[in-house]
Amino acid sequence: MSPELCSAVSLELAQLERLLTGFAPLRRKVLSTPPDLIEIVALAGYLHSFYNGIENIFKRIAKDFAQTRLRGDLWHRELLTSVAQPTEQRPAVVSRELVAG
């Protein structure tokens, strides 16, 4: 793995950790109390940011290993499928069960 990829993934993981920590109180609250509209919007933004962080990690891995050209309507699915496949240069990033789930 290139130093640039390690750095990029570490940065994304740190941002995801801050996101998880920052939203922990709201996540705990809505387990026992239905969220109001503002909380729903906040949770939607939280989910979107989390998804984008994971997607950024997958895109950087795919780019670093030059394994996938992402284009077309199904590029998200292709990206997920590609990182679930081990290559000669790297192991699978996610399990096939996660992809199928």
Protein backbone atom coordinates (compact mmCIF):
# COMPACT_ATOMS: atom_id res chain seq x y z
CA MET A 1 0.00 0.00 0.00
CA SER A 2 1.37 3.40 -0.95
CA PRO A 3 2.14 5.99 1.73
CA GLU A 4 -0.37 8.32 0.06
CA LEU A 5 -3.12 5.70 0.37
CA CYS A 6 -2.24 5.04 4.01
CA SER A 7 -2.38 8.74 4.74
CA ALA A 8 -5.67 9.24 2.89
CA VAL A 9 -7.34 6.26 4.59
CA SER A 10 -6.05 7.35 8.01
CA LEU A 11 -7.48 10.83 7.45
CA GLU A 12 -10.88 9.44 6.39
CA LEU A 13 -10.94 7.10 9.40
CA ALA A 14 -10.12 9.97 11.75
CA GLN A 15 -12.94 12.02 10.23
CA LEU A 16 -15.34 9.08 10.62
CA GLU A 17 -14.30 8.70 14.25
CA ARG A 18 -15.00 12.41 14.89
CA LEU A 19 -18.37 12.02 13.19
CA LEU A 20 -19.29 8.99 15.31
CA THR A 21 -18.17 10.70 18.49
CA GLY A 22 -19.93 13.95 17.67
CA PHE A 23 -23.25 12.30 16.94
CA ALA A 24 -23.12 9.76 19.78
CA PRO A 25 -25.40 11.80 22.08
CA LEU A 26 -28.06 12.16 19.38
CA ARG A 27 -27.81 8.49 18.43
CA ARG A 28 -28.32 7.51 22.08
CA LYS A 29 -31.23 9.94 22.48
CA VAL A 30 -33.21 8.64 19.52
CA LEU A 31 -32.97 5.08 20.82
CA SER A 32 -35.46 6.03 23.53
CA THR A 33 -37.24 9.09 22.14
CA PRO A 34 -38.62 9.52 18.62
CA PRO A 35 -36.62 12.22 16.82
CA ASP A 36 -38.19 15.53 15.89
CA LEU A 37 -37.80 17.02 12.40
CA ILE A 38 -34.52 18.79 13.19
CA GLU A 39 -33.07 15.59 14.62
CA ILE A 40 -34.20 13.61 11.58
CA VAL A 41 -32.46 16.09 9.29
CA ALA A 42 -29.34 15.95 11.48
CA LEU A 43 -29.36 12.15 11.43
CA ALA A 44 -29.82 12.14 7.65
CA GLY A 45 -26.77 14.39 7.30
CA TYR A 46 -24.84 12.15 9.69
CA LEU A 47 -25.72 9.04 7.68
CA HIS A 48 -24.82 10.77 4.41
CA SER A 49 -21.45 11.91 5.78
CA PHE A 50 -20.68 8.45 7.12
CA TYR A 51 -21.57 6.81 3.80
CA ASN A 52 -19.42 9.34 1.90
CA GLY A 53 -16.47 8.66 4.20
CA ILE A 54 -16.64 4.92 3.57
CA GLU A 55 -17.13 5.50 -0.15
CA ASN A 56 -14.07 7.79 -0.22
CA ILE A 57 -11.96 5.06 1.35
CA PHE A 58 -13.17 2.52 -1.20
CA LYS A 59 -12.54 4.92 -4.11
CA ARG A 60 -9.01 5.65 -2.91
CA ILE A 61 -8.26 1.94 -2.60
CA ALA A 62 -9.67 1.24 -6.06
CA LYS A 63 -7.68 4.13 -7.53
CA ASP A 64 -4.44 3.17 -5.76
CA PHE A 65 -4.65 -0.38 -7.07
CA ALA A 66 -5.92 0.81 -10.49
CA GLN A 67 -8.51 -1.92 -10.49
CA THR A 68 -11.72 -0.17 -11.45
CA ARG A 69 -12.80 2.58 -13.78
CA LEU A 70 -15.89 3.99 -12.15
CA ARG A 71 -18.52 5.20 -14.58
CA GLY A 72 -22.14 4.73 -15.48
CA ASP A 73 -25.23 4.33 -13.39
CA LEU A 74 -23.97 1.33 -11.42
CA TRP A 75 -20.56 2.64 -10.39
CA HIS A 76 -21.41 2.54 -6.66
CA ARG A 77 -22.28 -1.14 -6.90
CA GLU A 78 -19.20 -1.85 -9.02
CA LEU A 79 -17.01 -0.09 -6.46
CA LEU A 80 -18.44 -2.15 -3.61
CA THR A 81 -18.10 -5.38 -5.58
CA SER A 82 -14.52 -4.56 -6.56
CA VAL A 83 -13.31 -3.92 -3.00
CA ALA A 84 -14.92 -7.20 -1.89
CA GLN A 85 -12.71 -9.11 -4.32
CA PRO A 86 -9.16 -9.87 -3.20
CA THR A 87 -6.43 -9.15 -5.73
CA GLU A 88 -2.81 -10.17 -5.98
CA GLN A 89 -1.88 -6.81 -4.43
CA ARG A 90 -4.38 -6.68 -1.55
CA PRO A 91 -6.92 -8.71 0.42
CA ALA A 92 -10.65 -8.10 0.20
CA VAL A 93 -11.59 -4.86 1.94
CA VAL A 94 -15.11 -6.00 2.87
CA SER A 95 -16.69 -9.43 3.00
CA ARG A 96 -18.84 -10.87 0.26
CA GLU A 97 -21.56 -11.34 2.89
CA LEU A 98 -21.60 -7.60 3.51
CA VAL A 99 -21.96 -6.95 -0.22
CA ALA A 100 -24.77 -9.50 -0.50
CA GLY A 101 -26.51 -8.27 2.65
